[in-house]
Amino acid sequence: MNTYINGFVDEVLGRIDWTVKSILFDVDWYNNYFWGLIAISLIVWFLEIAFPWRKEQSIFRKDFWLDAFYMFFNFFIFSIIIGGFYKIIQLAFKDLGVSSSSIALFNANHWPAWAQLIVFFVVLDFVQWFTHTLLHKYAFLWNYHKVHHSVKEMGFAAHLRYHWMENILYKPLKTFAVMLLFGFEPEQAFIVHFIAITIGHFNHSNIKITWGVFRYVINNPVMHLYHHAYTLPKGRYGVNFGISLSLWDYIFKTHYVPEDSGTIKLGFSGDEKFPENFIDQNLYGFKKK
């Protein structure tokens, strides 16, 4: 038991130390997610200001600061806390004699770095696309995902506005997928992570981008706006589930972009009764209906 407790404490303290060092620029720049997130956010925000899609929307749109808090809470504060629990799970697997290499289907160590990164990116994105569909399909998961869909005016910071329970679902599935396919995370995985953050920020931004013919592969703000539409096509529980790639929506026929004015109503039925503050939003999914 002491091994698990010590593992939990060491992991949490290690993540806190890493975050502090990141703030103080005491880590390699390419692994500095704290300032990297801020830099990406500022760039996309400035582009929103310079080239607004919905020109009537304020620079400090509705819930701008709430979403900014969500961004740092989910990316750093909660990550520190949950990291300790994942460490316990990792130690438990080790005690059972299960390692990442023992369940891997492929040995990708000899692959070129670019091949590792591409496959890593595609596999992670598909897992997230599939998980995202589950968040919409099943009511008990949808109750948590409502936090993300309670956004009424879209902007870059809405990207990381989500209930902390989503991390409980996403993280293990992504980790297991990587273990199953590779047994490890590529050394240059930071490239994939930063690309995913950038695409996610753009997808939620007040900028009209479709990427031309590449819209059938890469997700975009026009497509993702309809994912947040208040009114969905009849008989569908959601559309445009893509995270970084739109490819999966076109393959599995879940795409839907009827027009590109950007003037549609966002949210979901009954959202007028949804809590507006951080604490109540994150307690919402646990309350009896």
C-alpha atoms as a PDB file:
ATOM      1  CA  MET A   1       0.000   0.000   0.000  1.00  0.00           C
ATOM      2  CA  ASN A   2       2.870   2.367   0.818  1.00  0.00           C
ATOM      3  CA  THR A   3       4.165   1.917  -2.726  1.00  0.00           C
ATOM      4  CA  TYR A   4       0.882   3.230  -4.133  1.00  0.00           C
ATOM      5  CA  ILE A   5       0.667   6.127  -1.687  1.00  0.00           C
ATOM      6  CA  ASN A   6       4.262   7.130  -2.343  1.00  0.00           C
ATOM      7  CA  GLY A   7       3.705   6.776  -6.073  1.00  0.00           C
ATOM      8  CA  PHE A   8       0.648   9.025  -5.888  1.00  0.00           C
ATOM      9  CA  VAL A   9       2.430  11.692  -3.827  1.00  0.00           C
ATOM     10  CA  ASP A  10       5.604  11.619  -5.934  1.00  0.00           C
ATOM     11  CA  GLU A  11       3.608  11.944  -9.157  1.00  0.00           C
ATOM     12  CA  VAL A  12       1.549  14.882  -7.887  1.00  0.00           C
ATOM     13  CA  LEU A  13       4.594  16.683  -6.475  1.00  0.00           C
ATOM     14  CA  GLY A  14       6.498  15.991  -9.684  1.00  0.00           C
ATOM     15  CA  ARG A  15       3.724  17.509 -11.804  1.00  0.00           C
ATOM     16  CA  ILE A  16       3.525  20.550  -9.531  1.00  0.00           C
ATOM     17  CA  ASP A  17       7.298  20.981  -9.784  1.00  0.00           C
ATOM     18  CA  TRP A  18       7.165  20.651 -13.581  1.00  0.00           C
ATOM     19  CA  THR A  19       4.368  23.230 -13.829  1.00  0.00           C
ATOM     20  CA  VAL A  20       6.265  25.708 -11.639  1.00  0.00           C
ATOM     21  CA  LYS A  21       9.425  25.181 -13.682  1.00  0.00           C
ATOM     22  CA  SER A  22       7.404  25.712 -16.863  1.00  0.00           C
ATOM     23  CA  ILE A  23       6.077  29.031 -15.551  1.00  0.00           C
ATOM     24  CA  LEU A  24       9.652  30.062 -14.701  1.00  0.00           C
ATOM     25  CA  PHE A  25      10.954  28.963 -18.152  1.00  0.00           C
ATOM     26  CA  ASP A  26      13.056  26.280 -16.484  1.00  0.00           C
ATOM     27  CA  VAL A  27      12.125  23.499 -18.938  1.00  0.00           C
ATOM     28  CA  ASP A  28      12.872  22.965 -22.618  1.00  0.00           C
ATOM     29  CA  TRP A  29      10.746  25.337 -24.713  1.00  0.00           C
ATOM     30  CA  TYR A  30       9.214  22.518 -26.742  1.00  0.00           C
ATOM     31  CA  ASN A  31       7.920  20.862 -23.565  1.00  0.00           C
ATOM     32  CA  ASN A  32       6.645  24.090 -22.012  1.00  0.00           C
ATOM     33  CA  TYR A  33       2.899  23.561 -22.282  1.00  0.00           C
ATOM     34  CA  PHE A  34       2.119  26.436 -19.917  1.00  0.00           C
ATOM     35  CA  TRP A  35       3.559  29.203 -22.068  1.00  0.00           C
ATOM     36  CA  GLY A  36       2.867  27.216 -25.226  1.00  0.00           C
ATOM     37  CA  LEU A  37      -0.843  27.225 -24.410  1.00  0.00           C
ATOM     38  CA  ILE A  38      -0.747  30.946 -23.676  1.00  0.00           C
ATOM     39  CA  ALA A  39       1.129  31.703 -26.909  1.00  0.00           C
ATOM     40  CA  ILE A  40      -1.306  29.687 -29.045  1.00  0.00           C
ATOM     41  CA  SER A  41      -4.273  31.279 -27.257  1.00  0.00           C
ATOM     42  CA  LEU A  42      -3.008  34.823 -27.810  1.00  0.00           C
ATOM     43  CA  ILE A  43      -2.263  34.195 -31.496  1.00  0.00           C
ATOM     44  CA  VAL A  44      -5.732  32.751 -32.191  1.00  0.00           C
ATOM     45  CA  TRP A  45      -7.400  35.475 -30.085  1.00  0.00           C
ATOM     46  CA  PHE A  46      -5.599  38.229 -32.017  1.00  0.00           C
ATOM     47  CA  LEU A  47      -6.740  36.594 -35.272  1.00  0.00           C
ATOM     48  CA  GLU A  48     -10.304  36.571 -33.918  1.00  0.00           C
ATOM     49  CA  ILE A  49     -10.016  40.304 -33.225  1.00  0.00           C
ATOM     50  CA  ALA A  50      -8.447  41.077 -36.614  1.00  0.00           C
ATOM     51  CA  PHE A  51     -10.682  38.797 -38.730  1.00  0.00           C
ATOM     52  CA  PRO A  52     -13.954  38.210 -36.829  1.00  0.00           C
ATOM     53  CA  TRP A  53     -16.461  35.875 -38.440  1.00  0.00           C
ATOM     54  CA  ARG A  54     -19.371  37.034 -36.274  1.00  0.00           C
ATOM     55  CA  LYS A  55     -18.622  40.752 -36.231  1.00  0.00           C
ATOM     56  CA  GLU A  56     -21.306  41.565 -33.666  1.00  0.00           C
ATOM     57  CA  GLN A  57     -19.585  39.335 -31.099  1.00  0.00           C
ATOM     58  CA  SER A  58     -17.610  41.176 -28.429  1.00  0.00           C
ATOM     59  CA  ILE A  59     -13.854  40.705 -28.064  1.00  0.00           C
ATOM     60  CA  PHE A  60     -14.574  39.645 -24.482  1.00  0.00           C
ATOM     61  CA  ARG A  61     -17.510  37.474 -25.455  1.00  0.00           C
ATOM     62  CA  LYS A  62     -20.001  35.918 -23.062  1.00  0.00           C
ATOM     63  CA  ASP A  63     -18.220  33.628 -20.556  1.00  0.00           C
ATOM     64  CA  PHE A  64     -14.772  34.625 -21.884  1.00  0.00           C
ATOM     65  CA  TRP A  65     -13.195  34.604 -18.418  1.00  0.00           C
ATOM     66  CA  LEU A  66     -15.024  31.466 -17.303  1.00  0.00           C
ATOM     67  CA  ASP A  67     -13.651  29.640 -20.338  1.00  0.00           C
ATOM     68  CA  ALA A  68     -10.168  31.027 -19.674  1.00  0.00           C
ATOM     69  CA  PHE A  69     -10.338  29.563 -16.155  1.00  0.00           C
ATOM     70  CA  TYR A  70     -11.524  26.220 -17.530  1.00  0.00           C
ATOM     71  CA  MET A  71      -8.563  26.257 -19.896  1.00  0.00           C
ATOM     72  CA  PHE A  72      -5.987  26.418 -17.108  1.00  0.00           C
ATOM     73  CA  PHE A  73      -7.961  24.255 -14.682  1.00  0.00           C
ATOM     74  CA  ASN A  74      -8.366  21.333 -17.097  1.00  0.00           C
ATOM     75  CA  PHE A  75      -4.938  21.599 -18.644  1.00  0.00           C
ATOM     76  CA  PHE A  76      -2.911  22.031 -15.458  1.00  0.00           C
ATOM     77  CA  ILE A  77      -4.698  21.971 -12.074  1.00  0.00           C
ATOM     78  CA  PHE A  78      -6.859  18.899 -12.681  1.00  0.00           C
ATOM     79  CA  SER A  79      -4.067  17.237 -14.639  1.00  0.00           C
ATOM     80  CA  ILE A  80      -1.866  17.454 -11.542  1.00  0.00           C
ATOM     81  CA  ILE A  81      -4.537  15.839  -9.347  1.00  0.00           C
ATOM     82  CA  ILE A  82      -5.574  13.074 -11.726  1.00  0.00           C
ATOM     83  CA  GLY A  83      -1.953  12.270 -12.557  1.00  0.00           C
ATOM     84  CA  GLY A  84      -1.529  10.726  -9.114  1.00  0.00           C
ATOM     85  CA  PHE A  85      -4.424   8.325  -9.676  1.00  0.00           C
ATOM     86  CA  TYR A  86      -3.091   7.290 -13.078  1.00  0.00           C
ATOM     87  CA  LYS A  87       0.225   6.548 -11.410  1.00  0.00           C
ATOM     88  CA  ILE A  88      -1.546   4.157  -9.016  1.00  0.00           C
ATOM     89  CA  ILE A  89      -3.150   2.373 -11.982  1.00  0.00           C
ATOM     90  CA  GLN A  90       0.247   2.180 -13.682  1.00  0.00           C
ATOM     91  CA  LEU A  91       1.798   0.631 -10.567  1.00  0.00           C
ATOM     92  CA  ALA A  92      -1.084  -1.846 -10.286  1.00  0.00           C
ATOM     93  CA  PHE A  93      -0.517  -3.005 -13.871  1.00  0.00           C
ATOM     94  CA  LYS A  94       3.185  -3.363 -13.102  1.00  0.00           C
ATOM     95  CA  ASP A  95       2.427  -5.561 -10.094  1.00  0.00           C
ATOM     96  CA  LEU A  96       0.244  -7.726 -12.340  1.00  0.00           C
ATOM     97  CA  GLY A  97       3.130  -8.123 -14.759  1.00  0.00           C
ATOM     98  CA  VAL A  98       1.446  -6.066 -17.476  1.00  0.00           C
ATOM     99  CA  SER A  99       3.640  -3.560 -19.274  1.00  0.00           C
ATOM    100  CA  SER A 100       3.028  -1.360 -22.296  1.00  0.00           C
ATOM    101  CA  SER A 101       5.417  -3.428 -24.389  1.00  0.00           C
ATOM    102  CA  SER A 102       3.748  -6.710 -23.407  1.00  0.00           C
ATOM    103  CA  ILE A 103       0.381  -5.777 -24.950  1.00  0.00           C
ATOM    104  CA  ALA A 104       1.645  -3.751 -27.926  1.00  0.00           C
ATOM    105  CA  LEU A 105       0.536  -5.077 -31.313  1.00  0.00           C
ATOM    106  CA  PHE A 106       3.417  -3.421 -33.150  1.00  0.00           C
ATOM    107  CA  ASN A 107       7.011  -2.595 -32.408  1.00  0.00           C
ATOM    108  CA  ALA A 108       7.316   0.914 -33.786  1.00  0.00           C
ATOM    109  CA  ASN A 109      10.735   1.645 -32.313  1.00  0.00           C
ATOM    110  CA  HIS A 110      12.393   1.148 -35.685  1.00  0.00           C
ATOM    111  CA  TRP A 111       9.929   3.345 -37.589  1.00  0.00           C
ATOM    112  CA  PRO A 112      11.057   6.781 -38.816  1.00  0.00           C
ATOM    113  CA  ALA A 113      10.083   9.567 -36.398  1.00  0.00           C
ATOM    114  CA  TRP A 114       7.672  11.095 -38.923  1.00  0.00           C
ATOM    115  CA  ALA A 115       5.829   7.763 -39.336  1.00  0.00           C
ATOM    116  CA  GLN A 116       5.519   7.330 -35.562  1.00  0.00           C
ATOM    117  CA  LEU A 117       4.096  10.828 -35.182  1.00  0.00           C
ATOM    118  CA  ILE A 118       1.574  10.505 -38.020  1.00  0.00           C
ATOM    119  CA  VAL A 119       0.222   7.167 -36.795  1.00  0.00           C
ATOM    120  CA  PHE A 120       0.223   8.421 -33.192  1.00  0.00           C
ATOM    121  CA  PHE A 121      -1.752  11.516 -34.240  1.00  0.00           C
ATOM    122  CA  VAL A 122      -4.288   9.569 -36.330  1.00  0.00           C
ATOM    123  CA  VAL A 123      -4.845   6.846 -33.715  1.00  0.00           C
ATOM    124  CA  LEU A 124      -5.312   9.354 -30.883  1.00  0.00           C
ATOM    125  CA  ASP A 125      -7.707  11.424 -32.960  1.00  0.00           C
ATOM    126  CA  PHE A 126      -9.839   8.421 -33.894  1.00  0.00           C
ATOM    127  CA  VAL A 127     -10.050   7.328 -30.247  1.00  0.00           C
ATOM    128  CA  GLN A 128     -11.156  10.836 -29.310  1.00  0.00           C
ATOM    129  CA  TRP A 129     -13.695  10.945 -32.158  1.00  0.00           C
ATOM    130  CA  PHE A 130     -15.180   7.622 -31.025  1.00  0.00           C
ATOM    131  CA  THR A 131     -15.236   8.705 -27.365  1.00  0.00           C
ATOM    132  CA  HIS A 132     -16.852  11.983 -28.381  1.00  0.00           C
ATOM    133  CA  THR A 133     -19.714  10.127 -30.066  1.00  0.00           C
ATOM    134  CA  LEU A 134     -20.297   8.197 -26.834  1.00  0.00           C
ATOM    135  CA  LEU A 135     -20.519  11.460 -24.882  1.00  0.00           C
ATOM    136  CA  HIS A 136     -23.463  12.439 -27.079  1.00  0.00           C
ATOM    137  CA  LYS A 137     -25.126   9.051 -27.439  1.00  0.00           C
ATOM    138  CA  TYR A 138     -25.492   8.032 -23.801  1.00  0.00           C
ATOM    139  CA  ALA A 139     -27.482  10.212 -21.400  1.00  0.00           C
ATOM    140  CA  PHE A 140     -25.277   9.740 -18.335  1.00  0.00           C
ATOM    141  CA  LEU A 141     -22.212  10.824 -20.332  1.00  0.00           C
ATOM    142  CA  TRP A 142     -24.124  13.632 -22.060  1.00  0.00           C
ATOM    143  CA  ASN A 143     -24.913  15.142 -18.645  1.00  0.00           C
ATOM    144  CA  TYR A 144     -21.177  15.762 -18.182  1.00  0.00           C
ATOM    145  CA  HIS A 145     -20.603  16.842 -21.778  1.00  0.00           C
ATOM    146  CA  LYS A 146     -23.326  19.480 -21.458  1.00  0.00           C
ATOM    147  CA  VAL A 147     -20.735  21.737 -19.820  1.00  0.00           C
ATOM    148  CA  HIS A 148     -18.904  22.028 -23.127  1.00  0.00           C
ATOM    149  CA  HIS A 149     -22.130  22.577 -25.052  1.00  0.00           C
ATOM    150  CA  SER A 150     -23.373  25.279 -22.686  1.00  0.00           C
ATOM    151  CA  VAL A 151     -21.216  27.764 -24.618  1.00  0.00           C
ATOM    152  CA  LYS A 152     -23.508  30.383 -26.178  1.00  0.00           C
ATOM    153  CA  GLU A 153     -20.861  32.454 -27.995  1.00  0.00           C
ATOM    154  CA  MET A 154     -17.972  30.607 -29.584  1.00  0.00           C
ATOM    155  CA  GLY A 155     -14.353  31.602 -29.049  1.00  0.00           C
ATOM    156  CA  PHE A 156     -10.934  29.925 -28.817  1.00  0.00           C
ATOM    157  CA  ALA A 157     -11.064  29.310 -25.029  1.00  0.00           C
ATOM    158  CA  ALA A 158     -14.281  27.291 -25.393  1.00  0.00           C
ATOM    159  CA  HIS A 159     -11.985  24.525 -26.668  1.00  0.00           C
ATOM    160  CA  LEU A 160     -11.007  23.541 -23.112  1.00  0.00           C
ATOM    161  CA  ARG A 161     -14.307  24.238 -21.398  1.00  0.00           C
ATOM    162  CA  TYR A 162     -15.362  20.758 -20.380  1.00  0.00           C
ATOM    163  CA  HIS A 163     -16.354  18.779 -17.295  1.00  0.00           C
ATOM    164  CA  TRP A 164     -13.427  17.158 -15.489  1.00  0.00           C
ATOM    165  CA  MET A 165     -15.154  13.770 -15.797  1.00  0.00           C
ATOM    166  CA  GLU A 166     -14.360  13.829 -19.510  1.00  0.00           C
ATOM    167  CA  ASN A 167     -10.693  13.436 -18.595  1.00  0.00           C
ATOM    168  CA  ILE A 168     -11.620  10.299 -16.651  1.00  0.00           C
ATOM    169  CA  LEU A 169     -13.054   8.828 -19.853  1.00  0.00           C
ATOM    170  CA  TYR A 170     -10.709  10.219 -22.502  1.00  0.00           C
ATOM    171  CA  LYS A 171      -7.340   9.702 -20.829  1.00  0.00           C
ATOM    172  CA  PRO A 172      -7.520   5.931 -20.141  1.00  0.00           C
ATOM    173  CA  LEU A 173      -8.853   5.195 -23.634  1.00  0.00           C
ATOM    174  CA  LYS A 174      -6.133   7.260 -25.294  1.00  0.00           C
ATOM    175  CA  THR A 175      -3.442   5.721 -23.088  1.00  0.00           C
ATOM    176  CA  PHE A 176      -4.673   2.174 -23.737  1.00  0.00           C
ATOM    177  CA  ALA A 177      -4.811   2.797 -27.496  1.00  0.00           C
ATOM    178  CA  VAL A 178      -1.202   3.992 -27.515  1.00  0.00           C
ATOM    179  CA  MET A 179      -0.086   1.056 -25.344  1.00  0.00           C
ATOM    180  CA  LEU A 180      -1.953  -1.413 -27.533  1.00  0.00           C
ATOM    181  CA  LEU A 181      -0.552  -0.109 -30.807  1.00  0.00           C
ATOM    182  CA  PHE A 182       2.918   1.087 -29.863  1.00  0.00           C
ATOM    183  CA  GLY A 183       3.688   0.374 -26.251  1.00  0.00           C
ATOM    184  CA  PHE A 184       5.083   3.890 -25.899  1.00  0.00           C
ATOM    185  CA  GLU A 185       4.517   7.549 -26.726  1.00  0.00           C
ATOM    186  CA  PRO A 186       6.831   8.854 -29.494  1.00  0.00           C
ATOM    187  CA  GLU A 187       9.735  10.974 -28.294  1.00  0.00           C
ATOM    188  CA  GLN A 188       8.505  13.942 -30.343  1.00  0.00           C
ATOM    189  CA  ALA A 189       4.894  13.573 -29.138  1.00  0.00           C
ATOM    190  CA  PHE A 190       4.935  17.225 -28.077  1.00  0.00           C
ATOM    191  CA  ILE A 191       4.600  18.117 -31.783  1.00  0.00           C
ATOM    192  CA  VAL A 192       1.322  16.204 -32.006  1.00  0.00           C
ATOM    193  CA  HIS A 193       0.022  17.699 -28.769  1.00  0.00           C
ATOM    194  CA  PHE A 194       0.751  21.279 -29.837  1.00  0.00           C
ATOM    195  CA  ILE A 195      -0.811  20.694 -33.260  1.00  0.00           C
ATOM    196  CA  ALA A 196      -3.940  19.294 -31.581  1.00  0.00           C
ATOM    197  CA  ILE A 197      -4.176  22.306 -29.240  1.00  0.00           C
ATOM    198  CA  THR A 198      -3.826  24.716 -32.168  1.00  0.00           C
ATOM    199  CA  ILE A 199      -6.463  22.969 -34.308  1.00  0.00           C
ATOM    200  CA  GLY A 200      -8.824  22.785 -31.321  1.00  0.00           C
ATOM    201  CA  HIS A 201      -8.424  26.510 -30.634  1.00  0.00           C
ATOM    202  CA  PHE A 202      -9.103  27.350 -34.272  1.00  0.00           C
ATOM    203  CA  ASN A 203     -12.150  25.054 -34.382  1.00  0.00           C
ATOM    204  CA  HIS A 204     -13.761  26.983 -31.527  1.00  0.00           C
ATOM    205  CA  SER A 205     -12.630  30.425 -32.673  1.00  0.00           C
ATOM    206  CA  ASN A 206     -14.595  33.289 -34.167  1.00  0.00           C
ATOM    207  CA  ILE A 207     -12.735  32.924 -37.453  1.00  0.00           C
ATOM    208  CA  LYS A 208     -14.192  31.616 -40.693  1.00  0.00           C
ATOM    209  CA  ILE A 209     -11.808  28.966 -41.996  1.00  0.00           C
ATOM    210  CA  THR A 210     -12.665  25.877 -44.035  1.00  0.00           C
ATOM    211  CA  TRP A 211      -9.179  24.844 -45.311  1.00  0.00           C
ATOM    212  CA  GLY A 212     -10.515  24.441 -48.887  1.00  0.00           C
ATOM    213  CA  VAL A 213     -10.337  20.864 -50.175  1.00  0.00           C
ATOM    214  CA  PHE A 214      -8.560  19.879 -46.955  1.00  0.00           C
ATOM    215  CA  ARG A 215     -11.853  20.353 -45.072  1.00  0.00           C
ATOM    216  CA  TYR A 216     -12.533  16.683 -45.778  1.00  0.00           C
ATOM    217  CA  VAL A 217      -9.490  15.798 -43.673  1.00  0.00           C
ATOM    218  CA  ILE A 218      -8.939  18.617 -41.158  1.00  0.00           C
ATOM    219  CA  ASN A 219     -11.650  19.902 -38.851  1.00  0.00           C
ATOM    220  CA  ASN A 220     -12.529  23.603 -39.093  1.00  0.00           C
ATOM    221  CA  PRO A 221     -14.532  26.351 -37.303  1.00  0.00           C
ATOM    222  CA  VAL A 222     -17.449  26.237 -39.751  1.00  0.00           C
ATOM    223  CA  MET A 223     -17.869  22.498 -39.359  1.00  0.00           C
ATOM    224  CA  HIS A 224     -17.421  22.534 -35.602  1.00  0.00           C
ATOM    225  CA  LEU A 225     -19.889  25.389 -35.093  1.00  0.00           C
ATOM    226  CA  TYR A 226     -22.618  23.031 -36.285  1.00  0.00           C
ATOM    227  CA  HIS A 227     -21.467  20.498 -33.726  1.00  0.00           C
ATOM    228  CA  HIS A 228     -22.574  23.085 -31.134  1.00  0.00           C
ATOM    229  CA  ALA A 229     -25.852  23.904 -32.912  1.00  0.00           C
ATOM    230  CA  TYR A 230     -28.948  24.135 -30.722  1.00  0.00           C
ATOM    231  CA  THR A 231     -31.068  22.528 -33.429  1.00  0.00           C
ATOM    232  CA  LEU A 232     -29.805  19.229 -34.836  1.00  0.00           C
ATOM    233  CA  PRO A 233     -31.008  17.282 -37.865  1.00  0.00           C
ATOM    234  CA  LYS A 234     -34.043  15.146 -37.011  1.00  0.00           C
ATOM    235  CA  GLY A 235     -33.195  11.759 -35.537  1.00  0.00           C
ATOM    236  CA  ARG A 236     -29.533  12.543 -34.808  1.00  0.00           C
ATOM    237  CA  TYR A 237     -27.950  12.900 -31.365  1.00  0.00           C
ATOM    238  CA  GLY A 238     -25.068  14.945 -32.727  1.00  0.00           C
ATOM    239  CA  VAL A 239     -23.030  15.850 -35.796  1.00  0.00           C
ATOM    240  CA  ASN A 240     -19.412  16.666 -36.668  1.00  0.00           C
ATOM    241  CA  PHE A 241     -17.745  14.825 -33.797  1.00  0.00           C
ATOM    242  CA  GLY A 242     -14.221  15.316 -35.175  1.00  0.00           C
ATOM    243  CA  ILE A 243     -11.547  16.665 -32.836  1.00  0.00           C
ATOM    244  CA  SER A 244      -8.594  17.497 -35.104  1.00  0.00           C
ATOM    245  CA  LEU A 245      -9.641  15.510 -38.164  1.00  0.00           C
ATOM    246  CA  SER A 246     -12.953  15.775 -40.009  1.00  0.00           C
ATOM    247  CA  LEU A 247     -12.050  12.594 -41.870  1.00  0.00           C
ATOM    248  CA  TRP A 248     -13.954  10.314 -39.477  1.00  0.00           C
ATOM    249  CA  ASP A 249     -17.198  12.271 -39.852  1.00  0.00           C
ATOM    250  CA  TYR A 250     -17.092  11.937 -43.621  1.00  0.00           C
ATOM    251  CA  ILE A 251     -16.211   8.244 -43.414  1.00  0.00           C
ATOM    252  CA  PHE A 252     -18.964   7.404 -40.897  1.00  0.00           C
ATOM    253  CA  LYS A 253     -21.546   9.836 -42.335  1.00  0.00           C
ATOM    254  CA  THR A 254     -21.807  12.034 -39.245  1.00  0.00           C
ATOM    255  CA  HIS A 255     -20.907  15.262 -41.098  1.00  0.00           C
ATOM    256  CA  TYR A 256     -23.391  18.111 -41.451  1.00  0.00           C
ATOM    257  CA  VAL A 257     -22.667  21.627 -42.769  1.00  0.00           C
ATOM    258  CA  PRO A 258     -25.793  23.072 -44.427  1.00  0.00           C
ATOM    259  CA  GLU A 259     -24.475  26.660 -44.654  1.00  0.00           C
ATOM    260  CA  ASP A 260     -21.672  28.871 -43.347  1.00  0.00           C
ATOM    261  CA  SER A 261     -23.180  32.143 -42.107  1.00  0.00           C
ATOM    262  CA  GLY A 262     -22.097  31.488 -38.516  1.00  0.00           C
ATOM    263  CA  THR A 263     -25.357  32.940 -37.193  1.00  0.00           C
ATOM    264  CA  ILE A 264     -26.918  29.786 -35.771  1.00  0.00           C
ATOM    265  CA  LYS A 265     -28.096  29.445 -32.175  1.00  0.00           C
ATOM    266  CA  LEU A 266     -25.746  27.446 -29.958  1.00  0.00           C
ATOM    267  CA  GLY A 267     -26.470  25.233 -26.975  1.00  0.00           C
ATOM    268  CA  PHE A 268     -28.989  22.491 -26.255  1.00  0.00           C
ATOM    269  CA  SER A 269     -32.620  22.115 -25.296  1.00  0.00           C
ATOM    270  CA  GLY A 270     -33.124  23.190 -21.681  1.00  0.00           C
ATOM    271  CA  ASP A 271     -29.821  25.051 -21.415  1.00  0.00           C
ATOM    272  CA  GLU A 272     -31.604  28.084 -19.982  1.00  0.00           C
ATOM    273  CA  LYS A 273     -31.723  26.128 -16.714  1.00  0.00           C
ATOM    274  CA  PHE A 274     -28.090  25.014 -16.898  1.00  0.00           C
ATOM    275  CA  PRO A 275     -25.787  26.425 -14.145  1.00  0.00           C
ATOM    276  CA  GLU A 276     -23.683  29.420 -15.150  1.00  0.00           C
ATOM    277  CA  ASN A 277     -20.829  29.132 -12.637  1.00  0.00           C
ATOM    278  CA  PHE A 278     -17.874  26.775 -12.565  1.00  0.00           C
ATOM    279  CA  ILE A 279     -18.686  24.876  -9.368  1.00  0.00           C
ATOM    280  CA  ASP A 280     -22.336  24.139 -10.154  1.00  0.00           C
ATOM    281  CA  GLN A 281     -21.489  23.169 -13.726  1.00  0.00           C
ATOM    282  CA  ASN A 282     -19.009  20.595 -12.476  1.00  0.00           C
ATOM    283  CA  LEU A 283     -21.478  19.194  -9.969  1.00  0.00           C
ATOM    284  CA  TYR A 284     -24.301  19.032 -12.501  1.00  0.00           C
ATOM    285  CA  GLY A 285     -23.628  15.560 -13.865  1.00  0.00           C
ATOM    286  CA  PHE A 286     -23.792  14.015 -10.388  1.00  0.00           C
ATOM    287  CA  LYS A 287     -27.171  15.398  -9.389  1.00  0.00           C
ATOM    288  CA  LYS A 288     -30.306  13.271  -9.530  1.00  0.00           C
ATOM    289  CA  LYS A 289     -32.678  14.371 -12.272  1.00  0.00           C
END
